[in-house]
N, C-alpha and C. Protein backbone atom coordinates (compact mmCIF):
# COMPACT_ATOMS: atom_id res chain seq x y z
N MET A 1 80.76 -87.11 10.96
CA MET A 1 80.42 -87.87 9.76
C MET A 1 80.34 -86.94 8.55
N LYS A 2 79.71 -85.75 8.74
CA LYS A 2 79.59 -84.82 7.62
C LYS A 2 80.96 -84.37 7.15
N LYS A 3 81.87 -84.12 8.11
CA LYS A 3 83.21 -83.67 7.75
C LYS A 3 83.94 -84.78 6.99
N LEU A 4 83.79 -86.03 7.45
CA LEU A 4 84.43 -87.15 6.77
C LEU A 4 83.89 -87.30 5.36
N LEU A 5 82.59 -87.19 5.21
CA LEU A 5 81.98 -87.30 3.88
C LEU A 5 82.45 -86.17 2.98
N SER A 6 82.56 -84.97 3.55
CA SER A 6 83.06 -83.83 2.78
C SER A 6 84.50 -84.05 2.34
N LEU A 7 85.33 -84.56 3.26
CA LEU A 7 86.73 -84.83 2.92
C LEU A 7 86.83 -85.91 1.84
N LEU A 8 86.01 -86.95 1.96
CA LEU A 8 86.02 -88.02 0.96
C LEU A 8 85.59 -87.48 -0.40
N THR A 9 84.56 -86.66 -0.42
CA THR A 9 84.08 -86.07 -1.67
C THR A 9 85.15 -85.19 -2.29
N LEU A 10 85.80 -84.38 -1.47
CA LEU A 10 86.87 -83.50 -1.95
C LEU A 10 88.02 -84.32 -2.51
N TRP A 11 88.39 -85.38 -1.79
CA TRP A 11 89.50 -86.22 -2.24
C TRP A 11 89.17 -86.86 -3.59
N VAL A 12 87.95 -87.38 -3.72
CA VAL A 12 87.54 -88.00 -4.98
C VAL A 12 87.57 -86.98 -6.11
N ALA A 13 87.10 -85.77 -5.83
CA ALA A 13 87.08 -84.73 -6.86
C ALA A 13 88.48 -84.40 -7.37
N PHE A 14 89.45 -84.39 -6.48
CA PHE A 14 90.82 -84.07 -6.89
C PHE A 14 91.59 -85.29 -7.39
N ALA A 15 91.34 -86.45 -6.80
CA ALA A 15 92.13 -87.64 -7.14
C ALA A 15 91.64 -88.32 -8.41
N ALA A 16 90.35 -88.29 -8.66
CA ALA A 16 89.81 -89.01 -9.82
C ALA A 16 90.43 -88.57 -11.14
N PRO A 17 90.53 -87.27 -11.42
CA PRO A 17 91.14 -86.89 -12.70
C PRO A 17 92.58 -87.38 -12.84
N MET A 18 93.32 -87.36 -11.73
CA MET A 18 94.70 -87.84 -11.80
C MET A 18 94.74 -89.35 -12.02
N ALA A 19 93.83 -90.06 -11.37
CA ALA A 19 93.81 -91.51 -11.51
C ALA A 19 93.43 -91.91 -12.92
N PHE A 20 92.43 -91.23 -13.48
CA PHE A 20 91.98 -91.59 -14.81
C PHE A 20 92.89 -91.04 -15.90
N ALA A 21 93.66 -90.01 -15.58
CA ALA A 21 94.59 -89.44 -16.56
C ALA A 21 95.76 -90.38 -16.81
N GLN A 22 96.09 -91.18 -15.80
CA GLN A 22 97.21 -92.10 -15.95
C GLN A 22 96.76 -93.29 -16.79
N ASP A 23 97.55 -93.62 -17.77
CA ASP A 23 97.27 -94.77 -18.62
C ASP A 23 97.24 -96.02 -17.76
N ASP A 24 96.21 -96.83 -17.94
CA ASP A 24 96.07 -98.05 -17.15
C ASP A 24 97.29 -98.95 -17.28
N LEU A 25 97.96 -98.91 -18.40
CA LEU A 25 99.12 -99.76 -18.61
C LEU A 25 100.31 -99.31 -17.77
N GLN A 26 100.29 -98.06 -17.29
CA GLN A 26 101.38 -97.55 -16.48
C GLN A 26 101.26 -97.94 -15.01
N LEU A 27 100.09 -98.39 -14.60
CA LEU A 27 99.91 -98.78 -13.21
C LEU A 27 100.66 -100.07 -12.93
N ASP A 28 101.19 -100.17 -11.73
CA ASP A 28 101.83 -101.41 -11.30
C ASP A 28 100.77 -102.51 -11.34
N PRO A 29 101.01 -103.59 -12.04
CA PRO A 29 99.99 -104.65 -12.16
C PRO A 29 99.53 -105.19 -10.81
N ARG A 30 100.44 -105.24 -9.85
CA ARG A 30 100.05 -105.73 -8.52
C ARG A 30 99.10 -104.76 -7.84
N VAL A 31 99.35 -103.46 -7.99
CA VAL A 31 98.48 -102.45 -7.40
C VAL A 31 97.11 -102.50 -8.05
N ARG A 32 97.10 -102.57 -9.38
CA ARG A 32 95.84 -102.62 -10.11
C ARG A 32 95.04 -103.87 -9.72
N ALA A 33 95.69 -105.02 -9.65
CA ALA A 33 95.00 -106.26 -9.31
C ALA A 33 94.44 -106.21 -7.89
N LYS A 34 95.21 -105.65 -6.98
CA LYS A 34 94.77 -105.55 -5.59
C LYS A 34 93.54 -104.66 -5.47
N ALA A 35 93.59 -103.50 -6.13
CA ALA A 35 92.46 -102.57 -6.09
C ALA A 35 91.22 -103.19 -6.74
N GLU A 36 91.41 -103.81 -7.89
CA GLU A 36 90.28 -104.43 -8.59
C GLU A 36 89.65 -105.53 -7.74
N ALA A 37 90.48 -106.34 -7.09
CA ALA A 37 89.95 -107.42 -6.25
C ALA A 37 89.17 -106.87 -5.06
N MET A 38 89.69 -105.81 -4.45
CA MET A 38 89.01 -105.22 -3.30
C MET A 38 87.65 -104.66 -3.71
N TRP A 39 87.61 -103.90 -4.80
CA TRP A 39 86.34 -103.30 -5.22
C TRP A 39 85.38 -104.35 -5.77
N LYS A 40 85.90 -105.38 -6.42
CA LYS A 40 85.04 -106.45 -6.94
C LYS A 40 84.38 -107.19 -5.78
N ALA A 41 85.12 -107.39 -4.70
CA ALA A 41 84.56 -108.07 -3.53
C ALA A 41 83.45 -107.25 -2.88
N MET A 42 83.52 -105.93 -3.02
CA MET A 42 82.51 -105.05 -2.43
C MET A 42 81.28 -104.90 -3.33
N ALA A 43 81.40 -105.26 -4.59
CA ALA A 43 80.32 -105.03 -5.55
C ALA A 43 79.17 -106.01 -5.34
N ASN A 44 77.98 -105.55 -5.72
CA ASN A 44 76.82 -106.43 -5.66
C ASN A 44 76.78 -107.28 -6.93
N LYS A 45 75.71 -108.03 -7.14
CA LYS A 45 75.66 -108.94 -8.29
C LYS A 45 75.66 -108.21 -9.64
N ASP A 46 75.32 -106.92 -9.64
CA ASP A 46 75.36 -106.12 -10.87
C ASP A 46 76.74 -105.52 -11.12
N GLY A 47 77.68 -105.79 -10.21
CA GLY A 47 79.02 -105.24 -10.36
C GLY A 47 79.15 -103.80 -9.88
N MET A 48 78.15 -103.33 -9.14
CA MET A 48 78.15 -101.95 -8.65
C MET A 48 78.41 -101.93 -7.15
N VAL A 49 79.11 -100.89 -6.68
CA VAL A 49 79.36 -100.69 -5.26
C VAL A 49 78.40 -99.61 -4.78
N THR A 50 77.61 -99.92 -3.77
CA THR A 50 76.64 -98.95 -3.27
C THR A 50 77.32 -97.92 -2.36
N GLN A 51 76.67 -96.78 -2.22
CA GLN A 51 77.18 -95.74 -1.34
C GLN A 51 77.28 -96.27 0.08
N LYS A 52 76.30 -97.04 0.52
CA LYS A 52 76.30 -97.57 1.89
C LYS A 52 77.51 -98.47 2.11
N VAL A 53 77.79 -99.35 1.17
CA VAL A 53 78.93 -100.26 1.31
C VAL A 53 80.23 -99.47 1.37
N LEU A 54 80.38 -98.49 0.50
CA LEU A 54 81.59 -97.68 0.48
C LEU A 54 81.75 -96.90 1.78
N MET A 55 80.68 -96.24 2.22
CA MET A 55 80.76 -95.44 3.44
C MET A 55 80.96 -96.32 4.67
N ASP A 56 80.38 -97.52 4.66
CA ASP A 56 80.62 -98.45 5.77
C ASP A 56 82.09 -98.81 5.86
N MET A 57 82.74 -99.01 4.70
CA MET A 57 84.16 -99.33 4.71
C MET A 57 84.98 -98.15 5.22
N VAL A 58 84.64 -96.95 4.76
CA VAL A 58 85.35 -95.75 5.22
C VAL A 58 85.19 -95.61 6.74
N MET A 59 83.97 -95.77 7.23
CA MET A 59 83.73 -95.64 8.67
C MET A 59 84.47 -96.72 9.46
N GLN A 60 84.51 -97.94 8.93
CA GLN A 60 85.23 -99.01 9.61
C GLN A 60 86.71 -98.66 9.74
N LYS A 61 87.31 -98.21 8.65
CA LYS A 61 88.73 -97.84 8.68
C LYS A 61 88.95 -96.64 9.60
N PHE A 62 88.04 -95.66 9.54
CA PHE A 62 88.14 -94.48 10.40
C PHE A 62 88.10 -94.91 11.87
N ASN A 63 87.14 -95.75 12.22
CA ASN A 63 86.99 -96.20 13.61
C ASN A 63 88.19 -97.02 14.07
N GLU A 64 88.78 -97.81 13.18
CA GLU A 64 89.98 -98.57 13.53
C GLU A 64 91.14 -97.63 13.87
N MET A 65 91.23 -96.52 13.17
CA MET A 65 92.34 -95.58 13.37
C MET A 65 92.07 -94.59 14.50
N ASP A 66 90.83 -94.42 14.90
CA ASP A 66 90.46 -93.50 15.98
C ASP A 66 90.62 -94.23 17.31
N LYS A 67 91.88 -94.41 17.71
CA LYS A 67 92.19 -95.19 18.91
C LYS A 67 91.58 -94.59 20.17
N GLY A 68 91.53 -93.27 20.27
CA GLY A 68 90.98 -92.61 21.45
C GLY A 68 89.46 -92.48 21.42
N LYS A 69 88.85 -92.93 20.34
CA LYS A 69 87.39 -92.84 20.15
C LYS A 69 86.89 -91.42 20.38
N LYS A 70 87.64 -90.46 19.82
CA LYS A 70 87.28 -89.04 19.95
C LYS A 70 86.51 -88.53 18.73
N GLY A 71 86.35 -89.38 17.73
CA GLY A 71 85.67 -88.94 16.51
C GLY A 71 86.57 -88.14 15.59
N MET A 72 87.89 -88.27 15.82
CA MET A 72 88.86 -87.53 15.01
C MET A 72 90.08 -88.41 14.73
N ILE A 73 90.67 -88.21 13.55
CA ILE A 73 91.95 -88.83 13.22
C ILE A 73 92.83 -87.75 12.60
N SER A 74 94.10 -88.03 12.54
CA SER A 74 95.02 -87.05 11.95
C SER A 74 94.82 -86.99 10.44
N ALA A 75 95.29 -85.90 9.86
CA ALA A 75 95.23 -85.76 8.40
C ALA A 75 96.04 -86.87 7.74
N ALA A 76 97.15 -87.27 8.36
CA ALA A 76 97.98 -88.35 7.82
C ALA A 76 97.21 -89.67 7.82
N ASP A 77 96.45 -89.93 8.89
CA ASP A 77 95.65 -91.15 8.94
C ASP A 77 94.54 -91.12 7.89
N ALA A 78 93.94 -89.95 7.68
CA ALA A 78 92.90 -89.81 6.65
C ALA A 78 93.51 -90.09 5.27
N ALA A 79 94.73 -89.61 5.05
CA ALA A 79 95.40 -89.87 3.78
C ALA A 79 95.66 -91.36 3.60
N ARG A 80 96.03 -92.04 4.69
CA ARG A 80 96.25 -93.50 4.61
C ARG A 80 94.97 -94.22 4.21
N ILE A 81 93.83 -93.78 4.75
CA ILE A 81 92.55 -94.39 4.37
C ILE A 81 92.30 -94.19 2.88
N MET A 82 92.55 -92.99 2.39
CA MET A 82 92.32 -92.70 0.97
C MET A 82 93.25 -93.51 0.08
N LEU A 83 94.50 -93.65 0.49
CA LEU A 83 95.44 -94.48 -0.28
C LEU A 83 95.00 -95.94 -0.28
N PHE A 84 94.49 -96.40 0.86
CA PHE A 84 93.99 -97.77 0.95
C PHE A 84 92.80 -97.95 0.00
N LEU A 85 91.88 -97.00 0.01
CA LEU A 85 90.70 -97.10 -0.86
C LEU A 85 91.06 -97.08 -2.33
N SER A 86 92.15 -96.39 -2.66
CA SER A 86 92.57 -96.35 -4.06
C SER A 86 93.41 -97.56 -4.44
N GLY A 87 93.71 -98.42 -3.46
CA GLY A 87 94.48 -99.63 -3.73
C GLY A 87 95.97 -99.42 -3.77
N GLN A 88 96.43 -98.24 -3.38
CA GLN A 88 97.86 -97.94 -3.46
C GLN A 88 98.65 -98.48 -2.28
N VAL A 89 97.98 -98.74 -1.16
CA VAL A 89 98.65 -99.30 0.02
C VAL A 89 97.74 -100.34 0.64
N GLY A 90 98.33 -101.17 1.49
CA GLY A 90 97.54 -102.16 2.21
C GLY A 90 96.70 -101.50 3.29
N ALA A 91 95.99 -102.31 4.03
CA ALA A 91 95.09 -101.80 5.06
C ALA A 91 95.83 -100.91 6.05
N PRO A 92 95.22 -99.76 6.35
CA PRO A 92 95.87 -98.84 7.30
C PRO A 92 95.84 -99.37 8.71
């Protein structure tokens, strides 16, 4: 869990500047709408997503991909989870 949280933190640190550097108008409208809908569904009544909700989603996706239940997934599978969370691809 600590390694997954570290990887997620590292990914956010590197991906966030790139995501915010891109003009919102340049994003594919379908990708933007899909990501916004996913995060809006996760938000509470204040429009905020809690750490617990986010981490629960990451763990759910991780567990779905950990077919051998070894507590490990490939780097490629981890990348798929991150792309899913950013709204760039469908569910892994």
